[in-house]
Amino acid sequence: MRFLDRTFATPEEDLACDEALLDICEEAADGEVLRVWQPRKRFVVLGYTNKAEREVDRAACAAAQIPLYRRTTGGGTIVQMPGCLNYALIFRQSTDPSLADIDGTNGFILGRIAESLSERVGERVEMRGYTDLCIGDRKIAGNAQRRLAKALVFHGTLLLHAELQEIERLLPFPSAQPDYRKNRAHRDFLANLGVDPTLVIAALQAAWHAHEPYDKNIDDRIATLVREKYGNPAWTFSR
């Protein structure tokens, strides 16, 4: 698996990058990659089926001039900000039998990441709920996936040193929750991992043996996706 550590100048490009990598992997068997990136500013990202009027405090976002976007994967709405570390794994589904369905993919990927993180942070990280990574009963990462005919993207956001009060301020209580949340507010449910991002990146690289640099040209694809989708309000507010 190849490795790409690249954060773009805009949120639109960062969101488009994961889809561009997925499309390339769908077309070519040698397109598997681990990508990591760290947001430069605050913005809100809706899950594919989320309704902005339900999942976001639009007035709070407008007052703070925080933009809103939509991704192509499922899961809940999130706040991206400095102090978060994002990763994306792009696989061919034929790589491992566990990748044949959604549940198998969740267990395969999150189990390996949890093990690698636990070895490095000195605390037990485990999968809970549908696609969460937790320490105890506090969520440190949410994840989502999208599947094409041959390839899939599985990506997530790890809270390292995020301003958790911003999540409380910008997002109301979500419309869906895992059982272990037990109706806790964001401030009581979420937690920062509290480690340097280089340690987490090393854990991700070790888990997937991802060290060789990714060298495919993706910029033109990203520009097209930004123009047609991620930079288009019609896409953002399509639900």
Protein backbone atom coordinates (compact mmCIF):
# COMPACT_ATOMS: atom_id res chain seq x y z
CA MET A 1 0.00 0.00 0.00
CA ARG A 2 1.27 3.48 -0.88
CA PHE A 3 1.24 6.51 1.40
CA LEU A 4 0.08 10.08 0.82
CA ASP A 5 0.44 12.82 3.45
CA ARG A 6 -1.18 15.81 1.79
CA THR A 7 -3.40 18.60 3.05
CA PHE A 8 -4.77 20.95 0.41
CA ALA A 9 -5.35 24.69 0.54
CA THR A 10 -9.15 24.37 0.78
CA PRO A 11 -11.66 22.03 2.43
CA GLU A 12 -13.26 21.38 -0.95
CA GLU A 13 -10.00 19.96 -2.28
CA ASP A 14 -9.41 17.87 0.84
CA LEU A 15 -12.84 16.29 0.54
CA ALA A 16 -12.49 15.78 -3.20
CA CYS A 17 -9.12 14.06 -2.80
CA ASP A 18 -10.58 10.95 -1.14
CA GLU A 19 -13.10 10.53 -3.95
CA ALA A 20 -10.40 11.02 -6.60
CA LEU A 21 -8.26 8.34 -4.96
CA LEU A 22 -11.26 5.99 -4.86
CA ASP A 23 -11.99 6.52 -8.55
CA ILE A 24 -8.37 5.81 -9.48
CA CYS A 25 -8.37 2.59 -7.42
CA GLU A 26 -11.60 1.51 -9.10
CA GLU A 27 -9.84 1.85 -12.45
CA ALA A 28 -6.49 0.27 -11.56
CA ALA A 29 -5.46 -2.60 -9.28
CA ASP A 30 -2.36 -0.70 -8.08
CA GLY A 31 -4.30 2.23 -6.63
CA GLU A 32 -4.42 1.21 -2.94
CA VAL A 33 -3.30 4.02 -0.66
CA LEU A 34 -3.31 5.35 2.88
CA ARG A 35 -3.82 9.11 2.91
CA VAL A 36 -3.57 11.41 5.95
CA TRP A 37 -4.39 15.10 6.26
CA GLN A 38 -4.95 17.73 8.93
CA PRO A 39 -7.53 20.53 8.57
CA ARG A 40 -6.22 24.07 8.36
CA LYS A 41 -9.46 25.69 9.59
CA ARG A 42 -12.91 24.86 10.99
CA PHE A 43 -15.68 23.57 8.73
CA VAL A 44 -18.64 21.23 9.02
CA VAL A 45 -19.13 18.11 6.89
CA LEU A 46 -22.47 16.38 6.45
CA GLY A 47 -22.69 12.64 5.92
CA TYR A 48 -24.12 11.68 2.52
CA THR A 49 -27.73 11.29 3.68
CA ASN A 50 -27.73 13.90 6.47
CA LYS A 51 -30.15 16.82 6.39
CA ALA A 52 -28.46 20.12 7.15
CA GLU A 53 -31.51 21.56 8.90
CA ARG A 54 -31.55 18.65 11.36
CA GLU A 55 -27.87 17.93 11.97
CA VAL A 56 -26.31 21.41 12.04
CA ASP A 57 -26.90 24.63 13.96
CA ARG A 58 -26.98 26.74 10.82
CA ALA A 59 -27.28 30.01 12.76
CA ALA A 60 -24.18 29.27 14.84
CA CYS A 61 -22.20 28.33 11.74
CA ALA A 62 -23.30 31.48 9.93
CA ALA A 63 -22.41 33.68 12.89
CA ALA A 64 -18.92 32.18 13.05
CA GLN A 65 -18.54 32.11 9.24
CA ILE A 66 -17.98 28.36 9.28
CA PRO A 67 -18.68 26.75 5.89
CA LEU A 68 -20.72 23.60 5.37
CA TYR A 69 -19.94 20.74 2.98
CA ARG A 70 -21.20 17.24 2.17
CA ARG A 71 -19.18 14.06 1.65
CA THR A 72 -20.07 10.95 -0.36
CA THR A 73 -19.75 8.50 2.54
CA GLY A 74 -22.33 7.69 5.19
CA GLY A 75 -22.18 8.35 8.92
CA GLY A 76 -22.93 11.47 10.91
CA THR A 77 -22.12 15.14 10.61
CA ILE A 78 -18.73 16.23 11.93
CA VAL A 79 -16.78 19.40 12.68
CA GLN A 80 -13.34 19.50 11.10
CA MET A 81 -10.74 21.75 12.73
CA PRO A 82 -7.06 21.99 13.62
CA GLY A 83 -6.36 19.31 16.20
CA CYS A 84 -8.05 16.61 14.10
CA LEU A 85 -6.18 14.03 12.04
CA ASN A 86 -7.97 12.51 9.07
CA TYR A 87 -7.08 9.30 7.31
CA ALA A 88 -8.45 7.50 4.27
CA LEU A 89 -7.78 3.92 3.24
CA ILE A 90 -8.54 3.04 -0.36
CA PHE A 91 -8.68 -0.68 -1.07
CA ARG A 92 -9.54 -3.05 -3.85
CA GLN A 93 -12.28 -5.24 -2.40
CA SER A 94 -10.48 -8.34 -3.66
CA THR A 95 -7.49 -7.61 -1.40
CA ASP A 96 -8.98 -9.46 1.60
CA PRO A 97 -12.14 -11.56 2.07
CA SER A 98 -13.14 -9.31 4.99
CA LEU A 99 -13.62 -6.43 2.57
CA ALA A 100 -16.50 -8.17 0.79
CA ASP A 101 -19.21 -6.43 2.86
CA ILE A 102 -19.76 -3.42 5.11
CA ASP A 103 -19.59 -5.16 8.49
CA GLY A 104 -16.55 -7.20 7.56
CA THR A 105 -14.79 -4.07 6.35
CA ASN A 106 -15.56 -2.21 9.58
CA GLY A 107 -14.14 -4.99 11.73
CA PHE A 108 -11.10 -5.64 9.56
CA ILE A 109 -9.98 -2.02 9.31
CA LEU A 110 -10.92 -0.72 12.76
CA GLY A 111 -9.59 -3.80 14.52
CA ARG A 112 -6.17 -3.34 12.96
CA ILE A 113 -6.08 0.42 13.60
CA ALA A 114 -7.19 -0.04 17.23
CA GLU A 115 -4.43 -2.58 17.83
CA SER A 116 -1.74 -0.39 16.28
CA LEU A 117 -2.87 2.69 18.21
CA SER A 118 -3.10 0.80 21.50
CA GLU A 119 0.52 -0.29 21.17
CA ARG A 120 1.68 3.32 20.77
CA VAL A 121 -0.54 5.46 23.00
CA GLY A 122 -0.39 3.29 26.12
CA GLU A 123 -4.18 2.95 26.41
CA ARG A 124 -6.59 0.39 25.07
CA VAL A 125 -8.33 1.63 21.92
CA GLU A 126 -11.29 -0.44 20.77
CA MET A 127 -14.13 -0.42 18.28
CA ARG A 128 -17.57 0.36 19.69
CA GLY A 129 -20.96 1.10 18.19
CA TYR A 130 -21.08 0.89 14.42
CA THR A 131 -17.80 2.48 13.36
CA ASP A 132 -16.38 4.33 16.38
CA LEU A 133 -12.96 4.08 17.96
CA CYS A 134 -13.03 4.63 21.72
CA ILE A 135 -11.00 4.68 24.89
CA GLY A 136 -13.37 3.37 27.52
CA ASP A 137 -16.77 4.83 26.73
CA ARG A 138 -15.42 8.02 25.14
CA LYS A 139 -15.30 8.34 21.36
CA ILE A 140 -11.99 9.43 19.84
CA ALA A 141 -12.78 8.76 16.17
CA GLY A 142 -15.71 8.32 13.80
CA ASN A 143 -15.48 6.51 10.48
CA ALA A 144 -17.45 5.92 7.29
CA GLN A 145 -17.13 4.09 3.99
CA ARG A 146 -18.25 4.11 0.37
CA ARG A 147 -18.14 1.14 -1.96
CA LEU A 148 -17.91 1.00 -5.74
CA ALA A 149 -17.91 -2.16 -7.85
CA LYS A 150 -14.24 -3.01 -7.24
CA ALA A 151 -12.85 -0.50 -4.75
CA LEU A 152 -13.83 1.14 -1.48
CA VAL A 153 -12.83 4.11 0.62
CA PHE A 154 -12.86 3.88 4.40
CA HIS A 155 -12.03 7.14 6.12
CA GLY A 156 -12.19 8.63 9.57
CA THR A 157 -11.38 11.59 11.80
CA LEU A 158 -9.32 11.17 14.97
CA LEU A 159 -9.65 13.75 17.73
CA LEU A 160 -6.16 14.61 18.97
CA HIS A 161 -6.25 18.17 20.32
CA ALA A 162 -9.57 19.42 18.95
CA GLU A 163 -11.67 22.14 20.58
CA LEU A 164 -14.52 19.88 21.65
CA GLN A 165 -16.64 22.80 22.80
CA GLU A 166 -16.89 23.82 19.15
CA ILE A 167 -18.64 20.55 18.34
CA GLU A 168 -21.10 21.23 21.15
CA ARG A 169 -21.70 24.74 19.82
CA LEU A 170 -22.13 23.90 16.13
CA LEU A 171 -23.91 20.54 16.15
CA PRO A 172 -27.17 19.68 17.93
CA PHE A 173 -27.65 16.20 19.38
CA PRO A 174 -27.50 13.84 16.38
CA SER A 175 -30.55 12.14 14.93
CA ALA A 176 -28.95 8.71 15.40
CA GLN A 177 -26.67 7.42 18.15
CA PRO A 178 -24.97 4.13 19.09
CA ASP A 179 -26.30 2.36 22.17
CA TYR A 180 -23.19 3.02 24.26
CA ARG A 181 -23.61 6.81 23.92
CA LYS A 182 -26.61 6.67 26.29
CA ASN A 183 -27.86 10.14 25.33
CA ARG A 184 -24.69 11.87 26.49
CA ALA A 185 -24.00 15.38 25.20
CA HIS A 186 -21.04 15.88 22.87
CA ARG A 187 -18.89 17.20 25.73
CA ASP A 188 -19.47 14.03 27.77
CA PHE A 189 -19.22 11.59 24.89
CA LEU A 190 -16.14 12.75 22.96
CA ALA A 191 -12.49 12.82 24.02
CA ASN A 192 -9.15 13.85 22.57
CA LEU A 193 -6.45 11.25 22.20
CA GLY A 194 -3.98 13.91 23.31
CA VAL A 195 -0.92 12.72 21.40
CA ASP A 196 1.27 14.15 18.66
CA PRO A 197 -0.09 13.51 15.15
CA THR A 198 3.22 12.00 14.04
CA LEU A 199 2.66 9.14 16.48
CA VAL A 200 -0.80 8.41 15.06
CA ILE A 201 0.45 8.63 11.49
CA ALA A 202 3.21 6.17 12.32
CA ALA A 203 0.63 3.81 13.84
CA LEU A 204 -1.50 3.98 10.70
CA GLN A 205 1.49 3.38 8.44
CA ALA A 206 2.58 0.41 10.53
CA ALA A 207 -0.91 -1.10 10.51
CA TRP A 208 -1.05 -1.09 6.72
CA HIS A 209 2.64 -1.29 5.79
CA ALA A 210 2.16 1.98 3.93
CA HIS A 211 5.51 3.64 3.34
CA GLU A 212 6.13 3.92 -0.40
CA PRO A 213 5.04 7.39 -1.61
CA TYR A 214 1.89 7.68 -3.72
CA ASP A 215 2.92 9.13 -7.07
CA LYS A 216 -0.19 9.21 -9.24
CA ASN A 217 -1.36 12.58 -10.61
CA ILE A 218 -4.67 13.47 -8.95
CA ASP A 219 -4.86 17.26 -9.25
CA ASP A 220 -6.99 17.42 -12.40
CA ARG A 221 -9.53 14.98 -10.97
CA ILE A 222 -9.71 16.98 -7.75
CA ALA A 223 -10.27 20.24 -9.62
CA THR A 224 -13.16 18.66 -11.55
CA LEU A 225 -14.76 17.26 -8.38
CA VAL A 226 -14.47 20.62 -6.63
CA ARG A 227 -16.09 22.40 -9.55
CA GLU A 228 -18.91 19.90 -10.04
CA LYS A 229 -19.57 18.75 -6.47
CA TYR A 230 -17.69 19.88 -3.37
CA GLY A 231 -17.65 23.56 -4.25
CA ASN A 232 -21.26 23.50 -5.43
CA PRO A 233 -23.95 24.51 -2.91
CA ALA A 234 -26.48 22.45 -4.87
CA TRP A 235 -24.56 19.34 -3.83
CA THR A 236 -24.11 20.44 -0.23
CA PHE A 237 -27.82 21.09 0.24
CA SER A 238 -29.07 18.25 -1.95
CA ARG A 239 -30.73 16.46 1.00
